[in-house]
C-alpha atoms as a PDB file:
ATOM      1  CA  MET A   1       0.226   0.485  -0.016  1.00  0.00           C
ATOM      2  CA  PHE A   2       2.727   2.585   0.911  1.00  0.00           C
ATOM      3  CA  GLY A   3       5.730   1.154  -1.128  1.00  0.00           C
ATOM      4  CA  SER A   4       5.843   3.762  -3.963  1.00  0.00           C
ATOM      5  CA  ILE A   5       6.126   6.513  -1.513  1.00  0.00           C
ATOM      6  CA  GLY A   6       9.313   8.070  -1.687  1.00  0.00           C
ATOM      7  CA  ILE A   7      11.634  10.686  -0.744  1.00  0.00           C
ATOM      8  CA  PRO A   8       9.679  14.097  -2.576  1.00  0.00           C
ATOM      9  CA  GLU A   9       6.764  12.711  -1.460  1.00  0.00           C
ATOM     10  CA  LEU A  10       7.228  12.342   2.147  1.00  0.00           C
ATOM     11  CA  ILE A  11       8.726  16.046   1.964  1.00  0.00           C
ATOM     12  CA  ILE A  12       5.723  17.182   0.257  1.00  0.00           C
ATOM     13  CA  ILE A  13       3.469  15.412   2.752  1.00  0.00           C
ATOM     14  CA  LEU A  14       5.858  17.406   5.455  1.00  0.00           C
ATOM     15  CA  VAL A  15       5.809  20.705   4.367  1.00  0.00           C
ATOM     16  CA  ILE A  16       1.951  20.376   4.224  1.00  0.00           C
ATOM     17  CA  ILE A  17       1.732  19.849   7.971  1.00  0.00           C
ATOM     18  CA  LEU A  18       4.304  22.432   8.448  1.00  0.00           C
ATOM     19  CA  LEU A  19       1.334  24.842   6.431  1.00  0.00           C
ATOM     20  CA  LEU A  20      -1.534  23.179   8.382  1.00  0.00           C
ATOM     21  CA  PHE A  21      -0.183  23.527  11.758  1.00  0.00           C
ATOM     22  CA  GLY A  22       2.869  25.593  11.998  1.00  0.00           C
ATOM     23  CA  ALA A  23       5.894  24.583  13.594  1.00  0.00           C
ATOM     24  CA  SER A  24       5.774  25.653  16.622  1.00  0.00           C
ATOM     25  CA  ARG A  25       2.640  22.639  17.201  1.00  0.00           C
ATOM     26  CA  LEU A  26       4.689  20.139  15.406  1.00  0.00           C
ATOM     27  CA  PRO A  27       6.342  18.991  18.805  1.00  0.00           C
ATOM     28  CA  GLU A  28       2.806  18.703  20.952  1.00  0.00           C
ATOM     29  CA  ILE A  29       1.399  16.703  17.472  1.00  0.00           C
ATOM     30  CA  GLY A  30       4.668  14.556  17.566  1.00  0.00           C
ATOM     31  CA  ARG A  31       4.606  14.095  21.531  1.00  0.00           C
ATOM     32  CA  GLY A  32       0.691  13.102  21.654  1.00  0.00           C
ATOM     33  CA  LEU A  33       1.197  10.818  18.573  1.00  0.00           C
ATOM     34  CA  GLY A  34       4.520   9.017  20.325  1.00  0.00           C
ATOM     35  CA  LYS A  35       1.559   8.651  23.429  1.00  0.00           C
ATOM     36  CA  GLY A  36      -0.886   6.904  21.561  1.00  0.00           C
ATOM     37  CA  ILE A  37       1.426   4.740  20.082  1.00  0.00           C
ATOM     38  CA  LYS A  38       3.014   3.682  23.129  1.00  0.00           C
ATOM     39  CA  ASN A  39      -0.494   3.261  24.610  1.00  0.00           C
ATOM     40  CA  PHE A  40      -0.982   1.549  21.553  1.00  0.00           C
ATOM     41  CA  LYS A  41       1.389  -1.308  21.835  1.00  0.00           C
ATOM     42  CA  GLU A  42       1.295  -1.999  25.714  1.00  0.00           C
ATOM     43  CA  SER A  43      -1.942  -2.950  25.148  1.00  0.00           C
ATOM     44  CA  THR A  44      -1.660  -5.170  22.555  1.00  0.00           C
ATOM     45  CA  LYS A  45       1.140  -6.473  24.292  1.00  0.00           C
ATOM     46  CA  ASP A  46      -1.312  -7.007  27.668  1.00  0.00           C
ATOM     47  CA  GLU A  47      -3.798  -8.980  25.583  1.00  0.00           C
ATOM     48  CA  GLY A  48      -1.420 -11.359  24.362  1.00  0.00           C
ATOM     49  CA  ASP A  49      -0.389 -12.388  28.299  1.00  0.00           C
ATOM     50  CA  LYS A  50      -3.787 -12.727  29.204  1.00  0.00           C
ATOM     51  CA  PRO A  51      -5.244 -16.203  29.542  1.00  0.00           C
END
């Protein structure tokens, strides 16, 4: 599905994100995304441990 995304496409996506949210909000968005991924990994790991 994402096999054809290369460096130019990623740069365009990054520029669009910068225009939409602004440079000052990017660290806040990244932090929230990281916490969400961490919570997801923990919840899937916990599901595998339960009998």
